[in-house]
Amino acid sequence: MFVFRKPLFTIIMAPKRKNSGAGSTSKPERSHDVLSIGEKVKIMDMIEIKKKSYAEIAKLYGKNEFSIREVMKNKGKFLLVFLLQQKLQKLLL
């Protein structure tokens, strides 16, 4: 039988968070900037007509390249909404 004087290992737990309240004001809240339908249509034109790269457009709008790719992935939906908005404006005027 073996007798150990020191434990082989110790369990170290992460320190618990201090409860600073739900409305902590130490960090400013990030803004959620959403591109309008018109901006999305302009992005589609830049890619298809002006042959600009996704990276160039992402830098221009201050967005991630993936966000620009998502616009192109869903271009059918965005164009449909854009056209419906245009028709609705003509009917109301």
N, C-alpha and C. Protein backbone atom coordinates (compact mmCIF):
# COMPACT_ATOMS: atom_id res chain seq x y z
N MET A 1 0.83 -1.16 0.00
CA MET A 1 0.00 0.00 0.00
C MET A 1 0.89 1.24 0.00
N PHE A 2 0.48 2.23 -0.85
CA PHE A 2 1.23 3.47 -0.97
C PHE A 2 0.60 4.55 -0.09
N VAL A 3 1.43 5.32 0.53
CA VAL A 3 0.95 6.44 1.32
C VAL A 3 1.58 7.70 0.75
N PHE A 4 0.74 8.64 0.32
CA PHE A 4 1.21 9.88 -0.26
C PHE A 4 1.12 11.00 0.78
N ARG A 5 2.14 11.75 0.87
CA ARG A 5 2.13 12.86 1.81
C ARG A 5 1.49 14.09 1.17
N LYS A 6 1.71 14.31 -0.12
CA LYS A 6 1.12 15.44 -0.84
C LYS A 6 0.06 14.89 -1.80
N PRO A 7 -0.99 15.68 -2.05
CA PRO A 7 -1.97 15.20 -3.04
C PRO A 7 -1.35 15.18 -4.43
N LEU A 8 -1.80 14.27 -5.25
CA LEU A 8 -1.28 14.17 -6.61
C LEU A 8 -1.66 15.39 -7.44
N PHE A 9 -2.83 15.90 -7.22
CA PHE A 9 -3.27 17.08 -7.96
C PHE A 9 -4.28 17.83 -7.11
N THR A 10 -4.45 19.10 -7.44
CA THR A 10 -5.47 19.90 -6.77
C THR A 10 -6.39 20.48 -7.82
N ILE A 11 -7.60 20.62 -7.43
CA ILE A 11 -8.58 21.20 -8.35
C ILE A 11 -8.57 22.71 -8.15
N ILE A 12 -8.29 23.42 -9.23
CA ILE A 12 -8.26 24.87 -9.17
C ILE A 12 -9.47 25.38 -9.94
N MET A 13 -10.30 26.11 -9.24
CA MET A 13 -11.50 26.64 -9.88
C MET A 13 -11.27 28.09 -10.27
N ALA A 14 -11.94 28.51 -11.29
CA ALA A 14 -11.85 29.89 -11.74
C ALA A 14 -12.48 30.79 -10.69
N PRO A 15 -11.97 31.99 -10.54
CA PRO A 15 -12.56 32.90 -9.55
C PRO A 15 -13.99 33.27 -9.96
N LYS A 16 -14.83 33.45 -8.96
CA LYS A 16 -16.22 33.81 -9.23
C LYS A 16 -16.29 35.26 -9.65
N ARG A 17 -17.26 35.56 -10.49
CA ARG A 17 -17.46 36.93 -10.94
C ARG A 17 -18.07 37.75 -9.82
N LYS A 18 -17.69 38.99 -9.78
CA LYS A 18 -18.32 39.90 -8.84
C LYS A 18 -19.64 40.34 -9.43
N ASN A 19 -20.65 40.37 -8.63
CA ASN A 19 -21.96 40.79 -9.10
C ASN A 19 -22.00 42.31 -9.12
N SER A 20 -21.76 42.88 -10.29
CA SER A 20 -21.72 44.33 -10.41
C SER A 20 -23.06 44.90 -10.86
N GLY A 21 -24.05 44.08 -10.98
CA GLY A 21 -25.36 44.56 -11.41
C GLY A 21 -25.57 44.33 -12.89
N ALA A 22 -26.82 44.27 -13.28
CA ALA A 22 -27.15 44.00 -14.68
C ALA A 22 -26.84 45.18 -15.57
N GLY A 23 -27.02 46.39 -15.07
CA GLY A 23 -26.83 47.58 -15.90
C GLY A 23 -25.46 48.20 -15.69
N SER A 24 -24.43 47.45 -15.94
CA SER A 24 -23.08 47.96 -15.75
C SER A 24 -22.77 49.02 -16.80
N THR A 25 -22.25 50.15 -16.36
CA THR A 25 -21.94 51.23 -17.28
C THR A 25 -20.45 51.37 -17.52
N SER A 26 -19.68 50.36 -17.14
CA SER A 26 -18.23 50.45 -17.31
C SER A 26 -17.82 50.36 -18.78
N LYS A 27 -18.55 49.62 -19.57
CA LYS A 27 -18.25 49.49 -20.99
C LYS A 27 -19.35 50.14 -21.82
N PRO A 28 -18.98 50.91 -22.83
CA PRO A 28 -20.03 51.46 -23.69
C PRO A 28 -20.64 50.35 -24.54
N GLU A 29 -21.93 50.43 -24.76
CA GLU A 29 -22.61 49.41 -25.54
C GLU A 29 -22.29 49.60 -27.02
N ARG A 30 -22.02 48.49 -27.71
CA ARG A 30 -21.72 48.57 -29.13
C ARG A 30 -22.97 48.88 -29.91
N SER A 31 -22.83 49.73 -30.90
CA SER A 31 -23.99 50.07 -31.71
C SER A 31 -24.19 48.99 -32.77
N HIS A 32 -25.42 48.78 -33.12
CA HIS A 32 -25.77 47.78 -34.12
C HIS A 32 -26.17 48.53 -35.37
N ASP A 33 -25.22 48.75 -36.25
CA ASP A 33 -25.45 49.54 -37.45
C ASP A 33 -25.94 48.62 -38.57
N VAL A 34 -27.14 48.87 -39.06
CA VAL A 34 -27.76 48.03 -40.08
C VAL A 34 -27.79 48.80 -41.39
N LEU A 35 -27.42 48.13 -42.47
CA LEU A 35 -27.48 48.75 -43.79
C LEU A 35 -28.93 48.83 -44.25
N SER A 36 -29.29 49.95 -44.85
CA SER A 36 -30.65 50.09 -45.38
C SER A 36 -30.78 49.28 -46.67
N ILE A 37 -32.00 49.10 -47.10
CA ILE A 37 -32.25 48.36 -48.35
C ILE A 37 -31.60 49.09 -49.52
N GLY A 38 -31.67 50.41 -49.52
CA GLY A 38 -31.04 51.20 -50.59
C GLY A 38 -29.53 50.99 -50.64
N GLU A 39 -28.90 50.96 -49.47
CA GLU A 39 -27.45 50.72 -49.42
C GLU A 39 -27.11 49.32 -49.91
N LYS A 40 -27.95 48.37 -49.58
CA LYS A 40 -27.71 46.99 -50.03
C LYS A 40 -27.81 46.90 -51.54
N VAL A 41 -28.76 47.62 -52.13
CA VAL A 41 -28.89 47.62 -53.59
C VAL A 41 -27.67 48.29 -54.22
N LYS A 42 -27.17 49.37 -53.61
CA LYS A 42 -25.96 50.02 -54.12
C LYS A 42 -24.77 49.07 -54.06
N ILE A 43 -24.68 48.29 -52.99
CA ILE A 43 -23.59 47.31 -52.85
C ILE A 43 -23.68 46.28 -53.97
N MET A 44 -24.90 45.80 -54.25
CA MET A 44 -25.07 44.82 -55.33
C MET A 44 -24.64 45.41 -56.67
N ASP A 45 -24.98 46.68 -56.92
CA ASP A 45 -24.58 47.34 -58.16
C ASP A 45 -23.06 47.46 -58.26
N MET A 46 -22.43 47.82 -57.15
CA MET A 46 -20.97 47.96 -57.16
C MET A 46 -20.29 46.64 -57.49
N ILE A 47 -20.82 45.56 -56.97
CA ILE A 47 -20.20 44.26 -57.21
C ILE A 47 -20.47 43.78 -58.63
N GLU A 48 -21.72 43.88 -59.08
CA GLU A 48 -22.08 43.33 -60.38
C GLU A 48 -21.72 44.24 -61.55
N ILE A 49 -21.93 45.54 -61.42
CA ILE A 49 -21.72 46.46 -62.54
C ILE A 49 -20.31 47.05 -62.52
N LYS A 50 -19.91 47.58 -61.37
CA LYS A 50 -18.60 48.23 -61.29
C LYS A 50 -17.46 47.26 -61.01
N LYS A 51 -17.79 46.00 -60.75
CA LYS A 51 -16.81 44.92 -60.54
C LYS A 51 -15.85 45.22 -59.39
N LYS A 52 -16.37 45.80 -58.31
CA LYS A 52 -15.54 46.03 -57.13
C LYS A 52 -15.49 44.75 -56.30
N SER A 53 -14.42 44.60 -55.53
CA SER A 53 -14.27 43.40 -54.72
C SER A 53 -15.05 43.55 -53.42
N TYR A 54 -15.31 42.41 -52.78
CA TYR A 54 -16.01 42.41 -51.50
C TYR A 54 -15.21 43.18 -50.45
N ALA A 55 -13.90 43.02 -50.48
CA ALA A 55 -13.03 43.68 -49.50
C ALA A 55 -13.08 45.19 -49.65
N GLU A 56 -13.08 45.68 -50.90
CA GLU A 56 -13.14 47.13 -51.13
C GLU A 56 -14.44 47.72 -50.59
N ILE A 57 -15.53 47.03 -50.84
CA ILE A 57 -16.83 47.52 -50.41
C ILE A 57 -16.94 47.44 -48.89
N ALA A 58 -16.40 46.39 -48.31
CA ALA A 58 -16.42 46.24 -46.85
C ALA A 58 -15.68 47.40 -46.19
N LYS A 59 -14.53 47.79 -46.73
CA LYS A 59 -13.78 48.92 -46.18
C LYS A 59 -14.55 50.23 -46.37
N LEU A 60 -15.20 50.36 -47.51
CA LEU A 60 -15.96 51.58 -47.81
C LEU A 60 -17.10 51.79 -46.82
N TYR A 61 -17.80 50.72 -46.49
CA TYR A 61 -18.94 50.80 -45.59
C TYR A 61 -18.58 50.53 -44.13
N GLY A 62 -17.34 50.15 -43.85
CA GLY A 62 -16.94 49.87 -42.48
C GLY A 62 -17.57 48.60 -41.94
N LYS A 63 -17.75 47.63 -42.80
CA LYS A 63 -18.38 46.37 -42.43
C LYS A 63 -17.39 45.22 -42.63
N ASN A 64 -17.77 44.07 -42.13
CA ASN A 64 -16.99 42.87 -42.34
C ASN A 64 -17.25 42.35 -43.76
N GLU A 65 -16.25 41.72 -44.35
CA GLU A 65 -16.41 41.17 -45.70
C GLU A 65 -17.53 40.14 -45.75
N PHE A 66 -17.70 39.38 -44.66
CA PHE A 66 -18.76 38.38 -44.61
C PHE A 66 -20.14 39.03 -44.73
N SER A 67 -20.30 40.21 -44.14
CA SER A 67 -21.58 40.92 -44.22
C SER A 67 -21.92 41.27 -45.66
N ILE A 68 -20.91 41.67 -46.42
CA ILE A 68 -21.12 42.01 -47.83
C ILE A 68 -21.47 40.76 -48.63
N ARG A 69 -20.81 39.67 -48.31
CA ARG A 69 -21.12 38.40 -48.99
C ARG A 69 -22.55 37.94 -48.68
N GLU A 70 -23.01 38.19 -47.46
CA GLU A 70 -24.38 37.83 -47.09
C GLU A 70 -25.39 38.66 -47.87
N VAL A 71 -25.06 39.92 -48.15
CA VAL A 71 -25.93 40.77 -48.96
C VAL A 71 -26.08 40.14 -50.35
N MET A 72 -24.97 39.71 -50.93
CA MET A 72 -25.03 39.10 -52.27
C MET A 72 -25.73 37.75 -52.23
N LYS A 73 -25.57 37.03 -51.15
CA LYS A 73 -26.22 35.72 -51.03
C LYS A 73 -27.74 35.87 -51.02
N ASN A 74 -28.23 36.94 -50.37
CA ASN A 74 -29.67 37.17 -50.24
C ASN A 74 -30.16 38.28 -51.15
N LYS A 75 -29.49 38.49 -52.27
CA LYS A 75 -29.83 39.62 -53.14
C LYS A 75 -31.24 39.53 -53.70
N GLY A 76 -31.73 38.35 -53.94
CA GLY A 76 -33.09 38.20 -54.44
C GLY A 76 -34.12 38.76 -53.48
N LYS A 77 -33.96 38.47 -52.21
CA LYS A 77 -34.88 38.98 -51.19
C LYS A 77 -34.80 40.50 -51.10
N PHE A 78 -33.57 41.03 -51.09
CA PHE A 78 -33.40 42.47 -50.96
C PHE A 78 -33.95 43.23 -52.16
N LEU A 79 -33.74 42.69 -53.35
CA LEU A 79 -34.26 43.34 -54.55
C LEU A 79 -35.79 43.34 -54.56
N LEU A 80 -36.39 42.25 -54.11
CA LEU A 80 -37.84 42.16 -54.05
C LEU A 80 -38.40 43.20 -53.08
N VAL A 81 -37.80 43.32 -51.92
CA VAL A 81 -38.25 44.32 -50.94
C VAL A 81 -38.05 45.73 -51.49
N PHE A 82 -36.93 45.97 -52.15
CA PHE A 82 -36.64 47.28 -52.72
C PHE A 82 -37.68 47.66 -53.77
N LEU A 83 -38.00 46.72 -54.66
CA LEU A 83 -39.00 46.99 -55.70
C LEU A 83 -40.39 47.21 -55.10
N LEU A 84 -40.73 46.44 -54.07
CA LEU A 84 -42.02 46.64 -53.41
C LEU A 84 -42.10 48.01 -52.73
N GLN A 85 -40.99 48.44 -52.15
CA GLN A 85 -40.96 49.77 -51.53
C GLN A 85 -41.15 50.86 -52.58
N GLN A 86 -40.51 50.69 -53.74
CA GLN A 86 -40.63 51.68 -54.80
C GLN A 86 -42.08 51.77 -55.30
N LYS A 87 -42.73 50.62 -55.49
CA LYS A 87 -44.12 50.62 -55.96
C LYS A 87 -45.05 51.23 -54.92
N LEU A 88 -44.79 50.93 -53.66
CA LEU A 88 -45.63 51.47 -52.58
C LEU A 88 -45.51 52.98 -52.50
N GLN A 89 -44.31 53.50 -52.68
CA GLN A 89 -44.11 54.95 -52.67
C GLN A 89 -44.85 55.62 -53.82
N LYS A 90 -44.85 54.99 -54.99
CA LYS A 90 -45.55 55.56 -56.15
C LYS A 90 -47.05 55.56 -55.91
N LEU A 91 -47.56 54.52 -55.26
CA LEU A 91 -49.00 54.45 -54.99
C LEU A 91 -49.43 55.50 -53.96
N LEU A 92 -48.57 55.76 -52.98
CA LEU A 92 -48.91 56.72 -51.93
C LEU A 92 -48.77 58.16 -52.39
N LEU A 93 -47.97 58.41 -53.40
CA LEU A 93 -47.76 59.79 -53.88
C LEU A 93 -48.75 60.15 -54.93
